[in-house]
Amino acid sequence: MTDRFSVQSSPQSSEKRQVIDDEQLKRMMKANEPSFMEKYGSCIVTLVLIAICVVVYVIEVLRSGFSTSISTMVLFDMGALYAPAIVSPLDWYRFVVPMFLHVDFMHLLFNMGALYSCGVLLERMLGRWNYLLLYFIAGITGNALCYMVDMMTGSYYVSAGASTSIFGLFVAAALLGILSKQNRAFFMQYSKGMLSIIAINIVYTFLMPSISISGHLGGALGGLIAMFMIPSKNLRVPLPVRVVISVVWLLAIAHVLASSIGAAFISLF
């Protein structure tokens, strides 16, 4: 379409005014709108994680007969953590999948709200891939500790939820006041607020019998470990420390995985 202009002149003045029609105005406004990545690029990983959890929950609801309270069997079938079910390397996915499963709508809502509020800042500060690594290290650590505690105590529960990762994000955010190279004054104040949130959530964890204490505390430990592992240029962590912590964490996870196979082997006799 050809752009149209009307030119008006007055006897007293030779000044010309350009009049923009509606179509041209719409095109100009659209051209000035930021793209999706310009709007949300700094928190795209957080949004993707939330989207995955929501989609997975919808599948859970459908498999539970449209009930928002997900049945234990559905959770188990979709990969929730259940220690006795991990008997071979083919079952190791149960250390990862529970991070995306949720028991009911309020469980999902609380976790996604916490993920967004804490994740956006961490993603901007650490970078996308470091932030994603933090999320998985915390979640896997929480699920691994939950598995070990269940095996040692002989008390077996079906566990699911992004809480393992989110507790890790809480701890990671609190550590920014110590480890950040930039805006130290701001992050020191932010860390104080995060310590209060962590304390409240720990108290809540111990008061609610349906919550996995080992999973939450393991996730918090994972967040602590991850902040000394991830290679973010914005953190004051020496390279030798990162290497040592990474090796120790990998060995610990390898021990858990080997224990899962060993426990299954022993149970055969």
C-alpha atoms as a PDB file:
ATOM      1  CA  MET A   1       0.000   0.000   0.000  1.00  0.00           C
ATOM      2  CA  THR A   2       1.314   3.436  -0.916  1.00  0.00           C
ATOM      3  CA  ASP A   3       1.687   5.856   1.952  1.00  0.00           C
ATOM      4  CA  ARG A   4      -0.672   8.794   1.703  1.00  0.00           C
ATOM      5  CA  PHE A   5      -0.041  12.311   2.846  1.00  0.00           C
ATOM      6  CA  SER A   6      -2.219  15.401   2.746  1.00  0.00           C
ATOM      7  CA  VAL A   7      -0.598  18.766   2.462  1.00  0.00           C
ATOM      8  CA  GLN A   8      -2.313  21.816   3.847  1.00  0.00           C
ATOM      9  CA  SER A   9      -1.181  25.350   3.285  1.00  0.00           C
ATOM     10  CA  SER A  10      -2.476  28.704   4.362  1.00  0.00           C
ATOM     11  CA  PRO A  11      -2.224  32.006   2.622  1.00  0.00           C
ATOM     12  CA  GLN A  12      -0.220  33.396   5.537  1.00  0.00           C
ATOM     13  CA  SER A  13       2.311  30.589   5.697  1.00  0.00           C
ATOM     14  CA  SER A  14       4.047  28.207   3.364  1.00  0.00           C
ATOM     15  CA  GLU A  15       4.593  25.695   6.227  1.00  0.00           C
ATOM     16  CA  LYS A  16       3.665  22.148   5.266  1.00  0.00           C
ATOM     17  CA  ARG A  17       2.340  19.555   7.720  1.00  0.00           C
ATOM     18  CA  GLN A  18       2.570  15.826   7.190  1.00  0.00           C
ATOM     19  CA  VAL A  19      -0.583  13.964   8.205  1.00  0.00           C
ATOM     20  CA  ILE A  20      -0.149  10.264   8.987  1.00  0.00           C
ATOM     21  CA  ASP A  21      -3.025   7.932   8.278  1.00  0.00           C
ATOM     22  CA  ASP A  22      -4.091   5.085  10.589  1.00  0.00           C
ATOM     23  CA  GLU A  23      -2.331   2.324   8.669  1.00  0.00           C
ATOM     24  CA  GLN A  24       1.000   4.113   8.697  1.00  0.00           C
ATOM     25  CA  LEU A  25       0.627   4.908  12.399  1.00  0.00           C
ATOM     26  CA  LYS A  26       0.040   1.222  13.151  1.00  0.00           C
ATOM     27  CA  ARG A  27       3.137   0.249  11.158  1.00  0.00           C
ATOM     28  CA  MET A  28       5.247   2.822  12.977  1.00  0.00           C
ATOM     29  CA  MET A  29       4.039   1.661  16.377  1.00  0.00           C
ATOM     30  CA  LYS A  30       4.652  -1.974  15.472  1.00  0.00           C
ATOM     31  CA  ALA A  31       8.164  -1.169  14.259  1.00  0.00           C
ATOM     32  CA  ASN A  32       8.954   0.473  17.590  1.00  0.00           C
ATOM     33  CA  GLU A  33       7.662  -2.417  19.683  1.00  0.00           C
ATOM     34  CA  PRO A  34      10.424  -4.504  21.273  1.00  0.00           C
ATOM     35  CA  SER A  35      10.662  -8.110  20.152  1.00  0.00           C
ATOM     36  CA  PHE A  36       9.827 -11.011  22.457  1.00  0.00           C
ATOM     37  CA  MET A  37      13.512 -11.615  23.172  1.00  0.00           C
ATOM     38  CA  GLU A  38      14.079  -7.912  23.857  1.00  0.00           C
ATOM     39  CA  LYS A  39      11.240  -8.005  26.387  1.00  0.00           C
ATOM     40  CA  TYR A  40      11.879 -11.351  28.032  1.00  0.00           C
ATOM     41  CA  GLY A  41      15.324 -12.466  26.872  1.00  0.00           C
ATOM     42  CA  SER A  42      16.870 -11.823  30.267  1.00  0.00           C
ATOM     43  CA  CYS A  43      14.479 -14.288  31.941  1.00  0.00           C
ATOM     44  CA  ILE A  44      13.683 -16.689  29.096  1.00  0.00           C
ATOM     45  CA  VAL A  45      14.999 -19.765  30.953  1.00  0.00           C
ATOM     46  CA  THR A  46      12.786 -19.003  33.950  1.00  0.00           C
ATOM     47  CA  LEU A  47       9.750 -18.654  31.697  1.00  0.00           C
ATOM     48  CA  VAL A  48      10.566 -21.898  29.880  1.00  0.00           C
ATOM     49  CA  LEU A  49      10.935 -23.778  33.188  1.00  0.00           C
ATOM     50  CA  ILE A  50       7.585 -22.415  34.359  1.00  0.00           C
ATOM     51  CA  ALA A  51       5.966 -23.365  31.038  1.00  0.00           C
ATOM     52  CA  ILE A  52       7.304 -26.927  31.270  1.00  0.00           C
ATOM     53  CA  CYS A  53       5.989 -27.324  34.821  1.00  0.00           C
ATOM     54  CA  VAL A  54       2.560 -25.996  33.803  1.00  0.00           C
ATOM     55  CA  VAL A  55       2.321 -28.277  30.753  1.00  0.00           C
ATOM     56  CA  VAL A  56       3.406 -31.287  32.819  1.00  0.00           C
ATOM     57  CA  TYR A  57       0.819 -30.441  35.472  1.00  0.00           C
ATOM     58  CA  VAL A  58      -1.918 -30.246  32.838  1.00  0.00           C
ATOM     59  CA  ILE A  59      -0.920 -33.749  31.706  1.00  0.00           C
ATOM     60  CA  GLU A  60      -1.045 -34.897  35.344  1.00  0.00           C
ATOM     61  CA  VAL A  61      -4.568 -33.475  35.709  1.00  0.00           C
ATOM     62  CA  LEU A  62      -5.727 -35.208  32.533  1.00  0.00           C
ATOM     63  CA  ARG A  63      -4.264 -38.520  33.681  1.00  0.00           C
ATOM     64  CA  SER A  64      -5.916 -38.071  37.096  1.00  0.00           C
ATOM     65  CA  GLY A  65      -9.386 -37.792  35.564  1.00  0.00           C
ATOM     66  CA  PHE A  66      -9.410 -33.964  35.576  1.00  0.00           C
ATOM     67  CA  SER A  67      -8.703 -33.857  39.300  1.00  0.00           C
ATOM     68  CA  THR A  68      -6.392 -31.046  40.412  1.00  0.00           C
ATOM     69  CA  SER A  69      -5.154 -33.237  43.263  1.00  0.00           C
ATOM     70  CA  ILE A  70      -2.855 -35.655  41.503  1.00  0.00           C
ATOM     71  CA  SER A  71      -3.014 -39.301  42.504  1.00  0.00           C
ATOM     72  CA  THR A  72       0.088 -41.032  43.837  1.00  0.00           C
ATOM     73  CA  MET A  73      -0.045 -43.599  41.039  1.00  0.00           C
ATOM     74  CA  VAL A  74      -0.039 -40.911  38.360  1.00  0.00           C
ATOM     75  CA  LEU A  75       2.924 -39.205  40.013  1.00  0.00           C
ATOM     76  CA  PHE A  76       4.778 -42.508  40.189  1.00  0.00           C
ATOM     77  CA  ASP A  77       3.995 -43.395  36.584  1.00  0.00           C
ATOM     78  CA  MET A  78       5.200 -39.987  35.395  1.00  0.00           C
ATOM     79  CA  GLY A  79       8.558 -40.311  37.148  1.00  0.00           C
ATOM     80  CA  ALA A  80       8.237 -39.113  40.727  1.00  0.00           C
ATOM     81  CA  LEU A  81      10.980 -40.108  43.134  1.00  0.00           C
ATOM     82  CA  TYR A  82      10.340 -43.426  44.874  1.00  0.00           C
ATOM     83  CA  ALA A  83      13.505 -44.961  46.246  1.00  0.00           C
ATOM     84  CA  PRO A  84      12.660 -48.686  45.835  1.00  0.00           C
ATOM     85  CA  ALA A  85      11.801 -48.081  42.163  1.00  0.00           C
ATOM     86  CA  ILE A  86      15.371 -47.035  41.314  1.00  0.00           C
ATOM     87  CA  VAL A  87      17.015 -50.354  40.556  1.00  0.00           C
ATOM     88  CA  SER A  88      19.038 -49.703  37.382  1.00  0.00           C
ATOM     89  CA  PRO A  89      20.548 -46.849  35.336  1.00  0.00           C
ATOM     90  CA  LEU A  90      17.294 -46.791  33.365  1.00  0.00           C
ATOM     91  CA  ASP A  91      15.599 -45.478  36.518  1.00  0.00           C
ATOM     92  CA  TRP A  92      17.987 -42.579  37.143  1.00  0.00           C
ATOM     93  CA  TYR A  93      15.565 -40.215  35.418  1.00  0.00           C
ATOM     94  CA  ARG A  94      13.704 -40.210  38.737  1.00  0.00           C
ATOM     95  CA  PHE A  95      16.404 -37.915  40.113  1.00  0.00           C
ATOM     96  CA  VAL A  96      15.492 -35.292  37.496  1.00  0.00           C
ATOM     97  CA  VAL A  97      11.829 -35.616  36.497  1.00  0.00           C
ATOM     98  CA  PRO A  98      10.395 -34.839  39.974  1.00  0.00           C
ATOM     99  CA  MET A  99      11.585 -31.244  39.543  1.00  0.00           C
ATOM    100  CA  PHE A 100       8.771 -30.754  37.021  1.00  0.00           C
ATOM    101  CA  LEU A 101       5.954 -32.653  38.761  1.00  0.00           C
ATOM    102  CA  HIS A 102       3.497 -31.203  41.291  1.00  0.00           C
ATOM    103  CA  VAL A 103       0.972 -32.715  43.676  1.00  0.00           C
ATOM    104  CA  ASP A 104      -1.844 -30.166  43.339  1.00  0.00           C
ATOM    105  CA  PHE A 105      -2.633 -26.718  41.969  1.00  0.00           C
ATOM    106  CA  MET A 106      -1.529 -24.788  45.076  1.00  0.00           C
ATOM    107  CA  HIS A 107       1.745 -26.716  45.087  1.00  0.00           C
ATOM    108  CA  LEU A 108       2.312 -25.642  41.477  1.00  0.00           C
ATOM    109  CA  LEU A 109       1.191 -22.062  42.080  1.00  0.00           C
ATOM    110  CA  PHE A 110       3.445 -21.511  45.089  1.00  0.00           C
ATOM    111  CA  ASN A 111       6.485 -23.050  43.420  1.00  0.00           C
ATOM    112  CA  MET A 112       6.051 -21.157  40.155  1.00  0.00           C
ATOM    113  CA  GLY A 113       5.587 -17.877  42.006  1.00  0.00           C
ATOM    114  CA  ALA A 114       8.778 -18.515  43.959  1.00  0.00           C
ATOM    115  CA  LEU A 115      10.600 -19.612  40.815  1.00  0.00           C
ATOM    116  CA  TYR A 116       9.682 -16.434  38.961  1.00  0.00           C
ATOM    117  CA  SER A 117      10.355 -14.011  41.817  1.00  0.00           C
ATOM    118  CA  CYS A 118      13.761 -15.484  42.579  1.00  0.00           C
ATOM    119  CA  GLY A 119      14.719 -16.856  39.180  1.00  0.00           C
ATOM    120  CA  VAL A 120      14.508 -13.643  37.172  1.00  0.00           C
ATOM    121  CA  LEU A 121      17.207 -11.938  39.244  1.00  0.00           C
ATOM    122  CA  LEU A 122      19.462 -14.996  39.315  1.00  0.00           C
ATOM    123  CA  GLU A 123      19.162 -15.542  35.561  1.00  0.00           C
ATOM    124  CA  ARG A 124      20.143 -11.940  34.860  1.00  0.00           C
ATOM    125  CA  MET A 125      22.996 -12.086  37.329  1.00  0.00           C
ATOM    126  CA  LEU A 126      24.442 -15.497  36.473  1.00  0.00           C
ATOM    127  CA  GLY A 127      23.545 -15.844  32.808  1.00  0.00           C
ATOM    128  CA  ARG A 128      21.130 -18.319  31.222  1.00  0.00           C
ATOM    129  CA  TRP A 129      23.237 -21.452  31.168  1.00  0.00           C
ATOM    130  CA  ASN A 130      24.764 -20.946  34.609  1.00  0.00           C
ATOM    131  CA  TYR A 131      21.309 -20.338  36.014  1.00  0.00           C
ATOM    132  CA  LEU A 132      19.961 -23.485  34.354  1.00  0.00           C
ATOM    133  CA  LEU A 133      22.922 -25.432  35.756  1.00  0.00           C
ATOM    134  CA  LEU A 134      22.140 -24.060  39.209  1.00  0.00           C
ATOM    135  CA  TYR A 135      18.512 -25.188  38.887  1.00  0.00           C
ATOM    136  CA  PHE A 136      19.477 -28.750  37.976  1.00  0.00           C
ATOM    137  CA  ILE A 137      22.324 -29.096  40.476  1.00  0.00           C
ATOM    138  CA  ALA A 138      20.037 -28.007  43.303  1.00  0.00           C
ATOM    139  CA  GLY A 139      17.177 -30.255  42.182  1.00  0.00           C
ATOM    140  CA  ILE A 140      19.329 -33.333  41.624  1.00  0.00           C
ATOM    141  CA  THR A 141      21.105 -32.836  44.947  1.00  0.00           C
ATOM    142  CA  GLY A 142      17.792 -32.549  46.773  1.00  0.00           C
ATOM    143  CA  ASN A 143      16.391 -35.674  45.142  1.00  0.00           C
ATOM    144  CA  ALA A 144      19.637 -37.597  45.717  1.00  0.00           C
ATOM    145  CA  LEU A 145      19.635 -36.756  49.432  1.00  0.00           C
ATOM    146  CA  CYS A 146      15.942 -37.630  49.658  1.00  0.00           C
ATOM    147  CA  TYR A 147      16.718 -41.000  48.073  1.00  0.00           C
ATOM    148  CA  MET A 148      19.594 -41.720  50.460  1.00  0.00           C
ATOM    149  CA  VAL A 149      17.574 -40.776  53.552  1.00  0.00           C
ATOM    150  CA  ASP A 150      14.641 -42.945  52.448  1.00  0.00           C
ATOM    151  CA  MET A 151      16.944 -45.904  51.813  1.00  0.00           C
ATOM    152  CA  MET A 152      18.715 -45.519  55.155  1.00  0.00           C
ATOM    153  CA  THR A 153      15.544 -45.100  57.203  1.00  0.00           C
ATOM    154  CA  GLY A 154      13.448 -47.611  55.291  1.00  0.00           C
ATOM    155  CA  SER A 155      10.634 -45.056  55.053  1.00  0.00           C
ATOM    156  CA  TYR A 156       9.583 -44.792  51.428  1.00  0.00           C
ATOM    157  CA  TYR A 157       7.499 -41.954  50.011  1.00  0.00           C
ATOM    158  CA  VAL A 158       6.587 -40.772  46.533  1.00  0.00           C
ATOM    159  CA  SER A 159       8.187 -37.326  46.218  1.00  0.00           C
ATOM    160  CA  ALA A 160       7.646 -34.653  43.582  1.00  0.00           C
ATOM    161  CA  GLY A 161       7.956 -30.905  43.153  1.00  0.00           C
ATOM    162  CA  ALA A 162      10.237 -28.123  42.014  1.00  0.00           C
ATOM    163  CA  SER A 163      10.847 -27.241  45.674  1.00  0.00           C
ATOM    164  CA  THR A 164      14.249 -28.944  45.684  1.00  0.00           C
ATOM    165  CA  SER A 165      15.447 -26.578  42.965  1.00  0.00           C
ATOM    166  CA  ILE A 166      13.673 -23.560  44.438  1.00  0.00           C
ATOM    167  CA  PHE A 167      15.301 -24.011  47.844  1.00  0.00           C
ATOM    168  CA  GLY A 168      18.579 -24.031  45.954  1.00  0.00           C
ATOM    169  CA  LEU A 169      17.627 -20.767  44.254  1.00  0.00           C
ATOM    170  CA  PHE A 170      16.780 -19.215  47.632  1.00  0.00           C
ATOM    171  CA  VAL A 171      20.226 -20.070  48.972  1.00  0.00           C
ATOM    172  CA  ALA A 172      21.920 -18.943  45.763  1.00  0.00           C
ATOM    173  CA  ALA A 173      20.151 -15.581  45.950  1.00  0.00           C
ATOM    174  CA  ALA A 174      21.190 -15.183  49.591  1.00  0.00           C
ATOM    175  CA  LEU A 175      24.815 -15.843  48.636  1.00  0.00           C
ATOM    176  CA  LEU A 176      24.868 -13.004  46.119  1.00  0.00           C
ATOM    177  CA  GLY A 177      25.622 -10.591  48.952  1.00  0.00           C
ATOM    178  CA  ILE A 178      28.885 -12.448  49.566  1.00  0.00           C
ATOM    179  CA  LEU A 179      29.886 -13.732  46.143  1.00  0.00           C
ATOM    180  CA  SER A 180      28.730 -10.995  43.770  1.00  0.00           C
ATOM    181  CA  LYS A 181      31.363  -8.772  42.159  1.00  0.00           C
ATOM    182  CA  GLN A 182      28.852  -6.011  41.441  1.00  0.00           C
ATOM    183  CA  ASN A 183      26.321  -3.991  43.435  1.00  0.00           C
ATOM    184  CA  ARG A 184      27.515  -5.444  46.729  1.00  0.00           C
ATOM    185  CA  ALA A 185      25.504  -2.996  48.852  1.00  0.00           C
ATOM    186  CA  PHE A 186      22.253  -3.865  47.060  1.00  0.00           C
ATOM    187  CA  PHE A 187      22.835  -7.606  47.215  1.00  0.00           C
ATOM    188  CA  MET A 188      23.773  -7.465  50.894  1.00  0.00           C
ATOM    189  CA  GLN A 189      20.354  -5.987  51.654  1.00  0.00           C
ATOM    190  CA  TYR A 190      18.680  -8.438  49.282  1.00  0.00           C
ATOM    191  CA  SER A 191      20.451 -11.350  50.960  1.00  0.00           C
ATOM    192  CA  LYS A 192      19.132 -10.331  54.369  1.00  0.00           C
ATOM    193  CA  GLY A 193      15.594 -10.521  53.011  1.00  0.00           C
ATOM    194  CA  MET A 194      16.292 -13.906  51.443  1.00  0.00           C
ATOM    195  CA  LEU A 195      17.591 -15.268  54.755  1.00  0.00           C
ATOM    196  CA  SER A 196      14.234 -14.429  56.317  1.00  0.00           C
ATOM    197  CA  ILE A 197      12.406 -16.216  53.493  1.00  0.00           C
ATOM    198  CA  ILE A 198      14.661 -19.251  53.859  1.00  0.00           C
ATOM    199  CA  ALA A 199      14.065 -19.364  57.629  1.00  0.00           C
ATOM    200  CA  ILE A 200      10.273 -19.184  57.181  1.00  0.00           C
ATOM    201  CA  ASN A 201      10.324 -21.944  54.568  1.00  0.00           C
ATOM    202  CA  ILE A 202      12.507 -24.195  56.727  1.00  0.00           C
ATOM    203  CA  VAL A 203      10.119 -23.793  59.669  1.00  0.00           C
ATOM    204  CA  TYR A 204       7.190 -24.554  57.362  1.00  0.00           C
ATOM    205  CA  THR A 205       9.029 -27.612  56.034  1.00  0.00           C
ATOM    206  CA  PHE A 206       9.390 -29.084  59.541  1.00  0.00           C
ATOM    207  CA  LEU A 207       5.795 -28.270  60.506  1.00  0.00           C
ATOM    208  CA  MET A 208       4.145 -29.926  57.501  1.00  0.00           C
ATOM    209  CA  PRO A 209       4.337 -33.739  57.655  1.00  0.00           C
ATOM    210  CA  SER A 210       3.646 -34.137  53.929  1.00  0.00           C
ATOM    211  CA  ILE A 211       6.756 -32.171  52.927  1.00  0.00           C
ATOM    212  CA  SER A 212      10.066 -33.897  52.246  1.00  0.00           C
ATOM    213  CA  ILE A 213      12.520 -32.408  54.747  1.00  0.00           C
ATOM    214  CA  SER A 214      15.502 -34.123  53.155  1.00  0.00           C
ATOM    215  CA  GLY A 215      14.424 -32.946  49.698  1.00  0.00           C
ATOM    216  CA  HIS A 216      14.174 -29.298  50.731  1.00  0.00           C
ATOM    217  CA  LEU A 217      17.371 -29.273  52.769  1.00  0.00           C
ATOM    218  CA  GLY A 218      19.152 -31.206  50.047  1.00  0.00           C
ATOM    219  CA  GLY A 219      18.027 -28.624  47.498  1.00  0.00           C
ATOM    220  CA  ALA A 220      19.343 -25.836  49.728  1.00  0.00           C
ATOM    221  CA  LEU A 221      22.662 -27.670  49.988  1.00  0.00           C
ATOM    222  CA  GLY A 222      22.669 -28.072  46.222  1.00  0.00           C
ATOM    223  CA  GLY A 223      22.187 -24.335  45.758  1.00  0.00           C
ATOM    224  CA  LEU A 224      25.120 -23.661  48.061  1.00  0.00           C
ATOM    225  CA  ILE A 225      27.321 -26.121  46.167  1.00  0.00           C
ATOM    226  CA  ALA A 226      26.234 -24.838  42.755  1.00  0.00           C
ATOM    227  CA  MET A 227      27.219 -21.249  43.526  1.00  0.00           C
ATOM    228  CA  PHE A 228      30.794 -22.456  44.011  1.00  0.00           C
ATOM    229  CA  MET A 229      30.659 -24.577  40.856  1.00  0.00           C
ATOM    230  CA  ILE A 230      29.113 -22.510  38.071  1.00  0.00           C
ATOM    231  CA  PRO A 231      31.583 -20.477  35.976  1.00  0.00           C
ATOM    232  CA  SER A 232      29.801 -17.128  36.192  1.00  0.00           C
ATOM    233  CA  LYS A 233      32.000 -14.097  35.579  1.00  0.00           C
ATOM    234  CA  ASN A 234      29.909 -12.146  38.095  1.00  0.00           C
ATOM    235  CA  LEU A 235      30.858 -14.333  41.065  1.00  0.00           C
ATOM    236  CA  ARG A 236      34.008 -14.044  43.164  1.00  0.00           C
ATOM    237  CA  VAL A 237      34.893 -17.734  43.172  1.00  0.00           C
ATOM    238  CA  PRO A 238      38.491 -18.786  42.317  1.00  0.00           C
ATOM    239  CA  LEU A 239      38.874 -21.382  39.577  1.00  0.00           C
ATOM    240  CA  PRO A 240      40.608 -23.962  41.845  1.00  0.00           C
ATOM    241  CA  VAL A 241      37.665 -23.808  44.243  1.00  0.00           C
ATOM    242  CA  ARG A 242      35.221 -24.406  41.376  1.00  0.00           C
ATOM    243  CA  VAL A 243      37.208 -27.397  40.175  1.00  0.00           C
ATOM    244  CA  VAL A 244      37.450 -29.000  43.626  1.00  0.00           C
ATOM    245  CA  ILE A 245      33.774 -28.452  44.454  1.00  0.00           C
ATOM    246  CA  SER A 246      32.719 -29.773  41.039  1.00  0.00           C
ATOM    247  CA  VAL A 247      34.787 -32.947  41.432  1.00  0.00           C
ATOM    248  CA  VAL A 248      33.472 -33.565  44.959  1.00  0.00           C
ATOM    249  CA  TRP A 249      29.859 -33.058  43.853  1.00  0.00           C
ATOM    250  CA  LEU A 250      30.228 -35.361  40.857  1.00  0.00           C
ATOM    251  CA  LEU A 251      31.807 -38.049  43.041  1.00  0.00           C
ATOM    252  CA  ALA A 252      28.980 -37.727  45.574  1.00  0.00           C
ATOM    253  CA  ILE A 253      26.311 -38.066  42.876  1.00  0.00           C
ATOM    254  CA  ALA A 254      28.208 -40.998  41.363  1.00  0.00           C
ATOM    255  CA  HIS A 255      28.185 -42.645  44.791  1.00  0.00           C
ATOM    256  CA  VAL A 256      24.402 -42.217  45.039  1.00  0.00           C
ATOM    257  CA  LEU A 257      23.887 -43.669  41.566  1.00  0.00           C
ATOM    258  CA  ALA A 258      26.186 -46.597  42.321  1.00  0.00           C
ATOM    259  CA  SER A 259      24.371 -47.156  45.624  1.00  0.00           C
ATOM    260  CA  SER A 260      21.065 -47.400  43.790  1.00  0.00           C
ATOM    261  CA  ILE A 261      22.406 -50.230  41.659  1.00  0.00           C
ATOM    262  CA  GLY A 262      24.114 -51.880  44.650  1.00  0.00           C
ATOM    263  CA  ALA A 263      20.948 -51.779  46.731  1.00  0.00           C
ATOM    264  CA  ALA A 264      19.007 -53.426  43.929  1.00  0.00           C
ATOM    265  CA  PHE A 265      21.704 -56.080  43.547  1.00  0.00           C
ATOM    266  CA  ILE A 266      21.739 -56.860  47.278  1.00  0.00           C
ATOM    267  CA  SER A 267      17.944 -57.120  47.357  1.00  0.00           C
ATOM    268  CA  LEU A 268      18.180 -60.045  44.922  1.00  0.00           C
ATOM    269  CA  PHE A 269      19.830 -62.244  47.597  1.00  0.00           C
END
